[in-house]
C-alpha cells in the first residue's frame, strides 16, 4: 500500500487550512475587478452570472429546448457579423466554468479570496475572468447546456473543464471548437508526453488537459478510529459494516465502477456488462445501509462529520481537508483520468479562452496552481518551478506520482454507445436502489 506520509500531509493541510474554511463556509470569492463571483459547489449555492442571453437562458431553464430557442436569434445575428473567434480580437472578458477546489486562491493579504493566476492573467492580457466553480459532475453540468451545444449557440461559457470521456463524447458530436494552435504555443511545447496522442483527439485539436488525477479512498482518521477500525488501506475497507451510513461513492460512473472493479479483481480497461452487474450486486447492500453518491460535496460531508470514508479524487483532501482527513492509494490500485480545457461551439470569446490555455501552460504558472490544488501536473517543467516556492511539493506523489503509484493506475474502458447506455442504466439503477 502506497500512502502519503502523515507528517507531509499534515504540513500541506496546515498550510492550506484557510482555503478549507473558505470552501466550507460556502463563502463568495470575488471575481476579478468585480466581474462575477463563484461559490464552491459544495455549498449548494453556486453563482450563475454568465453575461450573455444564451447563458441567462441556460441558467434559468437548464437543458431545455426553450433555452436554446430564446437565445437563437441574438446568437445567430452576432455570429453572422463576427470574425472567426480564434482570429478575432481578444475581447475583455472570459467566462470560465471549472470544478470546485481546482485553482489557486490567495488566503491572506489584499487579494485574499482571489486567484493569483487569474489576477496575473488579467494584468497581462486585459481580459477579466468570470470564473465560476459550476461543475460538480460531468453529466449534470453538460445537461444545463446540452441544447445550446447541439445548436452551436453560445452556452455562456468560453472555456469549460470536463473529464476525458465526456470531452471525447462532445468532440465526437462536433460540439467543441477547434483550437487555433498558433495561439497556444506553450501548450504545444509543454504538454507532458504521457498525455499526448489521446485516441479521441490525437493532435490536441480540441483539448488540453487542465489537471490529471487519481480516484482512491479518503477517510477521517478520527472517525475511523472511533468506529473501532484500523487505518484504511484498501477499497474493500469501504464495505466494512462499521462505516454503514457514513460512506459516499461518486456520481461519476467510471470512477465508482472502476474502483468497484478493482475491489473484485476485475480490470476496468476490459470490463464487461456481466462484470458491471457483479459490481452492482456487490454494492447494492451498501445502498440499503445508507450509501450515498456525491460529487465534490463530499468535502462538506467530511467537514461536518457526516462522512467518515469515501471514494474521493486525489487532490481534494490534501488541499481542502483537515489534518484528520487522509487520502489513500489503495492496495488494489487507483483510477486515473484527466480533466480537459474545451471551448464550446458558439463561445463568444474563443481567443481569450486560447490565451488562458496558453497562460496556464507556463511552468511557473502551472507550479503556482499545483501548489494549491495538489493534482497531477500536465505541464513540463512545473516540477523545477514548484521547488522554488514549495520544495516538498516537488516530491509529493499526488502531484508527481512515484513509479510505484503509476504501476497501480488504471484507466476505464472506452465504451461504445451501446455499452455506455447499458453501464449507465446499471449505475442509475444502483443509485436509485
Protein backbone atom coordinates (compact mmCIF):
# COMPACT_ATOMS: atom_id res chain seq x y z
CA UNK A 1 0.00 0.00 0.00
CA UNK A 2 1.37 3.40 -1.03
CA UNK A 3 0.26 6.27 1.14
CA UNK A 4 1.45 9.82 1.53
CA UNK A 5 3.45 10.26 4.73
CA UNK A 6 1.30 11.51 7.60
CA UNK A 7 3.79 14.21 8.53
CA UNK A 8 4.00 15.50 4.95
CA UNK A 9 0.24 15.54 4.58
CA UNK A 10 -0.12 17.38 7.87
CA UNK A 11 2.25 20.09 6.67
CA UNK A 12 0.25 20.50 3.47
CA UNK A 13 -3.01 20.75 5.36
CA UNK A 14 -1.71 23.21 7.94
CA UNK A 15 -0.53 25.44 5.11
CA UNK A 16 -3.93 25.36 3.37
CA UNK A 17 -6.38 25.27 6.25
CA UNK A 18 -7.70 28.73 5.44
CA UNK A 19 -8.66 27.51 1.97
CA UNK A 20 -10.74 24.76 3.52
CA UNK A 21 -12.50 27.35 5.64
CA UNK A 22 -13.21 29.37 2.50
CA UNK A 23 -14.78 26.39 0.73
CA UNK A 24 -16.84 25.11 3.60
CA UNK A 25 -18.31 28.44 4.51
CA UNK A 26 -19.86 28.46 1.06
CA UNK A 27 -18.30 31.91 1.02
CA UNK A 28 -18.22 34.02 -2.09
CA UNK A 29 -14.85 34.51 -3.73
CA UNK A 30 -14.73 37.81 -5.55
CA UNK A 31 -14.25 37.77 -9.32
CA UNK A 32 -11.55 39.89 -10.90
CA UNK A 33 -12.23 43.62 -10.82
CA UNK A 34 -15.81 42.96 -9.80
CA UNK A 35 -16.60 40.73 -12.80
CA UNK A 36 -18.77 37.96 -11.35
CA UNK A 37 -18.02 35.64 -8.49
CA UNK A 38 -18.01 31.98 -7.79
CA UNK A 39 -19.26 29.86 -4.95
CA UNK A 40 -17.93 26.46 -4.04
CA UNK A 41 -20.33 23.92 -5.44
CA UNK A 42 -20.19 22.03 -2.17
CA UNK A 43 -22.12 24.89 -0.57
CA UNK A 44 -25.07 24.12 -2.81
CA UNK A 45 -25.41 27.75 -3.91
CA UNK A 46 -23.19 28.25 -6.95
CA UNK A 47 -23.39 31.61 -8.66
CA UNK A 48 -24.93 31.93 -12.12
CA UNK A 49 -23.64 35.17 -13.56
CA UNK A 50 -22.88 34.30 -17.18
CA UNK A 51 -23.41 37.54 -19.10
CA UNK A 52 -24.96 36.60 -22.44
CA UNK A 53 -28.57 35.99 -23.39
CA UNK A 54 -27.80 32.37 -24.13
CA UNK A 55 -26.17 31.97 -20.73
CA UNK A 56 -29.14 33.51 -18.98
CA UNK A 57 -31.42 31.07 -20.77
CA UNK A 58 -29.21 28.16 -19.82
CA UNK A 59 -29.20 29.27 -16.19
CA UNK A 60 -32.90 29.91 -15.81
CA UNK A 61 -34.02 26.85 -17.73
CA UNK A 62 -31.10 24.42 -17.86
CA UNK A 63 -31.05 21.97 -20.73
CA UNK A 64 -34.42 22.88 -22.20
CA UNK A 65 -35.19 23.49 -25.90
CA UNK A 66 -36.81 26.77 -24.86
CA UNK A 67 -33.49 28.00 -23.57
CA UNK A 68 -31.84 27.39 -26.93
CA UNK A 69 -34.72 29.00 -28.81
CA UNK A 70 -34.69 32.10 -26.64
CA UNK A 71 -31.04 32.70 -27.49
CA UNK A 72 -31.09 31.63 -31.13
CA UNK A 73 -31.95 34.93 -32.78
CA UNK A 74 -29.41 37.06 -30.93
CA UNK A 75 -26.66 34.43 -31.19
CA UNK A 76 -27.18 33.88 -34.91
CA UNK A 77 -27.12 37.62 -35.59
CA UNK A 78 -23.90 38.09 -33.64
CA UNK A 79 -22.26 35.10 -35.32
CA UNK A 80 -23.07 36.41 -38.80
CA UNK A 81 -21.13 39.63 -38.30
CA UNK A 82 -18.32 38.43 -36.02
CA UNK A 83 -14.84 37.38 -37.24
CA UNK A 84 -13.75 33.78 -36.64
CA UNK A 85 -13.42 33.64 -32.82
CA UNK A 86 -9.83 32.38 -32.64
CA UNK A 87 -8.67 35.00 -35.16
CA UNK A 88 -10.66 37.94 -33.83
CA UNK A 89 -9.81 40.42 -31.07
CA UNK A 90 -9.04 39.17 -27.57
CA UNK A 91 -12.08 40.84 -26.03
CA UNK A 92 -12.34 41.98 -22.42
CA UNK A 93 -13.90 39.01 -20.64
CA UNK A 94 -13.53 35.24 -20.33
CA UNK A 95 -16.36 33.10 -18.95
CA UNK A 96 -14.68 30.06 -17.39
CA UNK A 97 -16.53 27.09 -15.81
CA UNK A 98 -14.49 24.73 -13.63
CA UNK A 99 -14.78 22.25 -10.77
CA UNK A 100 -14.56 23.25 -7.08
CA UNK A 101 -11.15 23.45 -5.40
CA UNK A 102 -9.34 23.49 -8.74
CA UNK A 103 -7.36 26.73 -8.91
CA UNK A 104 -5.03 28.66 -6.63
CA UNK A 105 -6.63 31.18 -4.25
CA UNK A 106 -4.85 33.71 -2.03
CA UNK A 107 -5.76 33.15 1.61
CA UNK A 108 -4.39 36.40 3.03
CA UNK A 109 -3.34 39.91 2.03
CA UNK A 110 -5.09 42.43 -0.20
CA UNK A 111 -6.05 39.77 -2.77
CA UNK A 112 -7.48 37.38 -0.19
CA UNK A 113 -10.02 35.10 -1.84
CA UNK A 114 -8.82 35.83 -5.36
CA UNK A 115 -6.74 33.65 -7.66
CA UNK A 116 -3.19 34.94 -8.29
CA UNK A 117 -3.19 33.05 -11.61
CA UNK A 118 -6.33 34.84 -12.79
CA UNK A 119 -5.21 38.23 -11.47
CA UNK A 120 -1.90 37.92 -13.29
CA UNK A 121 -3.68 36.80 -16.47
CA UNK A 122 -5.87 39.91 -16.38
CA UNK A 123 -2.87 42.15 -15.78
CA UNK A 124 -1.02 40.61 -18.73
CA UNK A 125 -3.90 40.48 -21.22
CA UNK A 126 -6.52 42.97 -20.07
CA UNK A 127 -9.10 40.16 -20.04
CA UNK A 128 -11.20 39.91 -16.90
CA UNK A 129 -12.16 36.39 -15.86
CA UNK A 130 -15.67 35.44 -14.81
CA UNK A 131 -14.52 32.23 -13.14
CA UNK A 132 -17.21 30.04 -11.61
CA UNK A 133 -16.99 26.68 -9.86
CA UNK A 134 -20.01 25.37 -11.70
CA UNK A 135 -19.05 21.76 -12.40
CA UNK A 136 -19.74 19.14 -9.74
CA UNK A 137 -20.43 16.26 -12.13
CA UNK A 138 -19.87 15.90 -15.89
CA UNK A 139 -23.38 14.77 -16.78
CA UNK A 140 -25.27 17.31 -14.69
CA UNK A 141 -23.19 20.22 -15.97
CA UNK A 142 -23.48 19.25 -19.63
CA UNK A 143 -27.24 18.80 -19.19
CA UNK A 144 -27.52 22.52 -18.42
CA UNK A 145 -26.01 23.48 -21.80
CA UNK A 146 -26.81 20.49 -23.99
CA UNK A 147 -29.34 22.22 -26.23
CA UNK A 148 -27.08 25.21 -26.83
CA UNK A 149 -24.17 22.89 -27.64
CA UNK A 150 -26.27 20.86 -30.03
CA UNK A 151 -27.44 24.01 -31.83
CA UNK A 152 -23.98 25.60 -31.90
CA UNK A 153 -25.23 28.51 -29.80
CA UNK A 154 -23.49 30.43 -27.04
CA UNK A 155 -23.66 28.43 -23.81
CA UNK A 156 -22.49 31.38 -21.72
CA UNK A 157 -19.10 29.71 -21.28
CA UNK A 158 -15.94 30.33 -23.31
CA UNK A 159 -13.90 27.68 -21.53
CA UNK A 160 -15.01 24.62 -19.58
CA UNK A 161 -13.19 21.70 -17.96
CA UNK A 162 -14.53 18.18 -18.48
CA UNK A 163 -13.22 14.67 -17.88
CA UNK A 164 -11.70 12.56 -20.67
CA UNK A 165 -14.76 10.50 -21.52
CA UNK A 166 -17.10 13.49 -21.66
CA UNK A 167 -14.55 15.53 -23.61
CA UNK A 168 -14.27 12.68 -26.14
CA UNK A 169 -18.04 12.47 -26.46
CA UNK A 170 -18.56 16.18 -27.08
CA UNK A 171 -15.69 16.32 -29.57
CA UNK A 172 -17.13 13.36 -31.49
CA UNK A 173 -20.50 15.12 -31.65
CA UNK A 174 -18.90 18.22 -33.18
CA UNK A 175 -19.89 20.42 -30.24
CA UNK A 176 -16.38 21.70 -29.44
CA UNK A 177 -14.50 24.44 -31.30
CA UNK A 178 -11.15 23.69 -32.88
CA UNK A 179 -8.22 25.40 -31.16
CA UNK A 180 -6.02 27.74 -33.19
CA UNK A 181 -2.66 26.17 -32.34
CA UNK A 182 -0.83 29.38 -33.25
CA UNK A 183 -2.42 30.90 -30.14
CA UNK A 184 -1.27 28.15 -27.74
CA UNK A 185 2.48 27.63 -28.30
CA UNK A 186 3.07 26.89 -24.60
CA UNK A 187 0.56 24.05 -24.75
CA UNK A 188 2.22 22.56 -27.79
CA UNK A 189 5.67 22.73 -26.21
CA UNK A 190 4.96 21.93 -22.56
CA UNK A 191 2.25 19.25 -22.56
CA UNK A 192 3.77 16.18 -20.87
CA UNK A 193 4.41 13.28 -23.20
CA UNK A 194 2.16 10.85 -21.33
CA UNK A 195 -0.92 12.96 -22.17
CA UNK A 196 -0.20 13.36 -25.87
CA UNK A 197 -1.83 11.36 -28.66
CA UNK A 198 -5.11 10.58 -26.92
CA UNK A 199 -7.09 8.36 -29.31
CA UNK A 200 -10.10 10.68 -29.20
CA UNK A 201 -8.07 13.79 -30.13
CA UNK A 202 -4.51 12.76 -31.13
CA UNK A 203 -3.26 16.18 -32.32
CA UNK A 204 -4.90 18.11 -29.45
CA UNK A 205 -7.04 19.97 -31.94
CA UNK A 206 -9.84 20.38 -29.40
CA UNK A 207 -8.46 19.94 -25.87
CA UNK A 208 -5.58 20.46 -23.49
CA UNK A 209 -5.53 18.87 -20.02
CA UNK A 210 -6.19 21.15 -17.06
CA UNK A 211 -5.19 18.63 -14.39
CA UNK A 212 -4.88 14.88 -14.11
CA UNK A 213 -5.72 12.92 -11.02
CA UNK A 214 -6.48 9.63 -9.38
CA UNK A 215 -9.56 8.23 -7.71
CA UNK A 216 -8.92 6.38 -4.49
CA UNK A 217 -10.03 6.21 -0.86
CA UNK A 218 -10.34 9.04 1.61
CA UNK A 219 -11.18 8.77 5.29
CA UNK A 220 -11.27 10.61 8.59
CA UNK A 221 -8.67 9.07 10.88
CA UNK A 222 -10.55 10.18 13.98
CA UNK A 223 -13.92 8.83 12.84
CA UNK A 224 -12.49 5.52 11.65
CA UNK A 225 -10.63 5.02 14.92
CA UNK A 226 -13.77 5.89 16.90
CA UNK A 227 -15.61 3.20 14.92
CA UNK A 228 -13.04 0.70 16.19
CA UNK A 229 -11.31 0.21 12.85
CA UNK A 230 -7.63 0.26 11.87
CA UNK A 231 -6.44 2.73 9.20
CA UNK A 232 -7.99 2.07 5.81
CA UNK A 233 -5.65 0.64 3.19
CA UNK A 234 -7.97 -0.97 0.64
CA UNK A 235 -11.02 -0.19 -1.45
CA UNK A 236 -12.63 -3.19 0.23
CA UNK A 237 -12.42 -1.39 3.58
CA UNK A 238 -15.27 0.87 2.45
CA UNK A 239 -17.57 -2.17 2.69
CA UNK A 240 -16.93 -2.55 6.45
CA UNK A 241 -20.27 -2.58 8.27
CA UNK A 242 -18.85 -0.30 10.96
CA UNK A 243 -18.91 2.52 8.39
CA UNK A 244 -22.56 1.94 7.44
CA UNK A 245 -24.39 5.19 6.79
CA UNK A 246 -21.19 7.20 6.74
CA UNK A 247 -19.76 6.31 3.32
CA UNK A 248 -20.16 8.01 -0.06
CA UNK A 249 -19.26 6.84 -3.55
CA UNK A 250 -19.02 9.10 -6.59
CA UNK A 251 -21.70 10.12 -9.08
CA UNK A 252 -19.12 9.57 -11.83
CA UNK A 253 -19.97 6.08 -13.08
CA UNK A 254 -16.49 5.31 -14.37
CA UNK A 255 -14.86 6.16 -11.04
CA UNK A 256 -17.30 4.20 -8.88
CA UNK A 257 -17.48 1.16 -11.17
CA UNK A 258 -13.72 1.42 -11.73
CA UNK A 259 -12.88 1.13 -8.03
CA UNK A 260 -15.62 -1.46 -7.61
CA UNK A 261 -13.98 -3.49 -10.37
CA UNK A 262 -10.56 -3.27 -8.76
CA UNK A 263 -12.03 -4.49 -5.45
CA UNK A 264 -13.30 -7.61 -7.23
CA UNK A 265 -10.10 -8.17 -9.20
CA UNK A 266 -11.65 -7.01 -12.48
CA UNK A 267 -9.61 -4.95 -14.96
CA UNK A 268 -11.54 -1.69 -15.61
CA UNK A 269 -9.90 -1.47 -19.05
CA UNK A 270 -11.67 -4.62 -20.26
CA UNK A 271 -14.81 -4.56 -18.12
CA UNK A 272 -17.97 -6.23 -19.49
CA UNK A 273 -21.66 -5.73 -18.73
CA UNK A 274 -21.74 -9.02 -16.83
CA UNK A 275 -18.91 -7.76 -14.64
CA UNK A 276 -20.73 -4.45 -14.14
CA UNK A 277 -23.70 -6.43 -12.88
CA UNK A 278 -21.40 -8.22 -10.44
CA UNK A 279 -20.25 -4.83 -9.15
CA UNK A 280 -23.85 -3.63 -8.79
CA UNK A 281 -24.71 -6.76 -6.80
CA UNK A 282 -21.67 -6.15 -4.59
CA UNK A 283 -22.62 -2.51 -3.91
CA UNK A 284 -26.39 -2.84 -3.54
CA UNK A 285 -26.30 -3.94 0.13
CA UNK A 286 -24.33 -0.76 0.93
CA UNK A 287 -27.11 1.37 -0.55
CA UNK A 288 -29.56 -0.35 1.78
CA UNK A 289 -27.24 0.62 4.65
CA UNK A 290 -27.25 4.31 3.68
CA UNK A 291 -24.58 4.62 0.97
CA UNK A 292 -24.93 7.92 -0.91
CA UNK A 293 -23.47 9.06 -4.25
CA UNK A 294 -21.99 12.59 -4.48
CA UNK A 295 -19.70 14.87 -6.44
CA UNK A 296 -17.24 17.24 -4.73
CA UNK A 297 -19.79 17.84 -1.99
CA UNK A 298 -18.10 15.08 -0.02
CA UNK A 299 -15.72 17.81 1.16
CA UNK A 300 -18.50 19.38 3.16
CA UNK A 301 -19.64 15.97 4.37
CA UNK A 302 -16.18 15.23 5.75
CA UNK A 303 -16.09 18.63 7.44
CA UNK A 304 -19.38 18.20 9.26
CA UNK A 305 -18.68 14.60 10.25
CA UNK A 306 -21.47 13.17 8.12
CA UNK A 307 -18.98 11.09 6.11
CA UNK A 308 -16.18 9.03 7.63
CA UNK A 309 -14.86 7.39 4.44
CA UNK A 310 -15.44 7.79 0.73
CA UNK A 311 -14.31 7.28 -2.82
CA UNK A 312 -12.53 10.58 -3.49
CA UNK A 313 -10.45 12.43 -6.07
CA UNK A 314 -6.78 12.57 -5.17
CA UNK A 315 -6.15 16.28 -4.62
CA UNK A 316 -9.28 17.18 -2.69
CA UNK A 317 -8.48 16.02 0.82
CA UNK A 318 -4.82 17.04 0.55
CA UNK A 319 -5.65 20.60 -0.43
CA UNK A 320 -9.03 21.11 1.24
CA UNK A 321 -9.28 18.59 4.04
CA UNK A 322 -8.25 18.93 7.66
CA UNK A 323 -5.19 17.20 9.13
CA UNK A 324 -7.59 14.45 10.19
CA UNK A 325 -8.58 13.62 6.60
CA UNK A 326 -6.33 11.26 4.64
CA UNK A 327 -6.10 10.18 1.01
CA UNK A 328 -5.00 6.58 0.42
CA UNK A 329 -3.55 4.98 -2.68
CA UNK A 330 -5.39 1.70 -2.04
CA UNK A 331 -3.69 -1.66 -2.35
CA UNK A 332 -5.95 -2.67 -5.25
CA UNK A 333 -4.92 0.43 -7.25
CA UNK A 334 -6.40 3.75 -8.34
CA UNK A 335 -8.34 5.03 -11.33
CA UNK A 336 -6.52 7.66 -13.39
CA UNK A 337 -8.07 10.41 -15.51
CA UNK A 338 -7.62 13.93 -16.86
CA UNK A 339 -9.94 16.93 -16.83
CA UNK A 340 -9.58 18.94 -20.01
CA UNK A 341 -10.00 22.52 -21.17
CA UNK A 342 -12.54 22.74 -24.00
CA UNK A 343 -14.01 25.65 -25.95
CA UNK A 344 -17.70 25.02 -26.66
CA UNK A 345 -19.11 25.79 -30.08
CA UNK A 346 -20.71 29.23 -30.04
CA UNK A 347 -18.24 30.63 -27.49
CA UNK A 348 -18.12 34.41 -27.79
CA UNK A 349 -14.52 34.82 -26.59
CA UNK A 350 -12.55 31.95 -28.09
CA UNK A 351 -9.38 33.99 -28.46
CA UNK A 352 -9.46 34.77 -24.73
CA UNK A 353 -10.02 31.08 -23.98
CA UNK A 354 -6.96 30.17 -26.02
CA UNK A 355 -4.98 32.85 -24.20
CA UNK A 356 -5.94 31.23 -20.89
CA UNK A 357 -4.89 27.80 -22.15
CA UNK A 358 -1.54 29.22 -23.18
CA UNK A 359 -1.19 31.11 -19.87
CA UNK A 360 -1.58 28.12 -17.57
CA UNK A 361 0.88 26.07 -19.63
CA UNK A 362 3.75 28.27 -18.47
CA UNK A 363 5.72 26.10 -15.99
CA UNK A 364 5.80 28.81 -13.32
CA UNK A 365 2.04 29.37 -13.54
CA UNK A 366 1.37 25.63 -13.55
CA UNK A 367 3.52 25.28 -10.44
CA UNK A 368 1.56 28.04 -8.74
CA UNK A 369 -1.69 26.19 -9.41
CA UNK A 370 -0.30 22.78 -8.42
CA UNK A 371 0.98 24.10 -5.11
CA UNK A 372 -2.61 24.85 -4.23
CA UNK A 373 -4.74 22.13 -5.84
CA UNK A 374 -2.41 19.11 -5.41
CA UNK A 375 -3.43 17.27 -8.57
CA UNK A 376 -1.17 15.65 -11.18
CA UNK A 377 0.51 18.34 -13.26
CA UNK A 378 0.20 18.14 -17.08
CA UNK A 379 2.91 20.76 -17.74
CA UNK A 380 6.58 20.01 -18.38
CA UNK A 381 8.98 21.96 -16.19
CA UNK A 382 6.49 22.63 -13.39
CA UNK A 383 8.41 20.31 -11.06
CA UNK A 384 11.50 22.52 -11.25
CA UNK A 385 9.40 25.65 -10.72
CA UNK A 386 7.50 24.27 -7.74
CA UNK A 387 10.79 23.62 -5.94
CA UNK A 388 11.27 27.39 -5.81
CA UNK A 389 8.00 28.01 -3.95
CA UNK A 390 7.36 24.77 -2.04
CA UNK A 391 10.25 22.24 -2.20
CA UNK A 392 8.39 19.32 -0.54
CA UNK A 393 5.65 19.55 -3.17
CA UNK A 394 8.15 18.61 -5.88
CA UNK A 395 8.28 15.07 -4.47
CA UNK A 396 4.62 14.77 -3.47
CA UNK A 397 3.12 11.68 -5.18
CA UNK A 398 -0.24 13.43 -5.52
CA UNK A 399 1.37 15.92 -7.93
CA UNK A 400 4.23 13.88 -9.34
CA UNK A 401 3.29 10.19 -8.81
CA UNK A 402 6.04 7.72 -7.98
CA UNK A 403 6.70 4.67 -10.17
CA UNK A 404 5.02 2.51 -7.51
CA UNK A 405 1.85 4.61 -7.71
CA UNK A 406 1.91 4.71 -11.52
CA UNK A 407 2.25 0.92 -11.67
CA UNK A 408 -1.15 0.57 -9.99
CA UNK A 409 -3.02 3.18 -12.03
CA UNK A 410 -5.91 2.03 -14.19
CA UNK A 411 -7.94 3.71 -16.92
CA UNK A 412 -11.57 2.87 -17.58
CA UNK A 413 -12.57 1.15 -20.80
CA UNK A 414 -13.50 3.32 -23.78
CA UNK A 415 -17.19 2.49 -24.16
CA UNK A 416 -19.27 2.11 -27.30
CA UNK A 417 -22.60 3.95 -27.41
CA UNK A 418 -24.46 0.75 -26.50
CA UNK A 419 -22.08 -0.05 -23.65
CA UNK A 420 -22.30 3.48 -22.32
CA UNK A 421 -26.09 3.23 -22.24
CA UNK A 422 -26.02 -0.19 -20.59
CA UNK A 423 -23.42 0.77 -17.98
CA UNK A 424 -25.22 3.99 -17.12
CA UNK A 425 -28.55 2.19 -16.84
CA UNK A 426 -26.96 -0.21 -14.38
CA UNK A 427 -25.43 2.69 -12.46
CA UNK A 428 -28.69 4.63 -12.30
CA UNK A 429 -30.43 1.51 -11.03
CA UNK A 430 -27.79 1.17 -8.33
CA UNK A 431 -28.09 4.79 -7.23
CA UNK A 432 -31.87 4.52 -7.11
CA UNK A 433 -31.98 1.15 -5.37
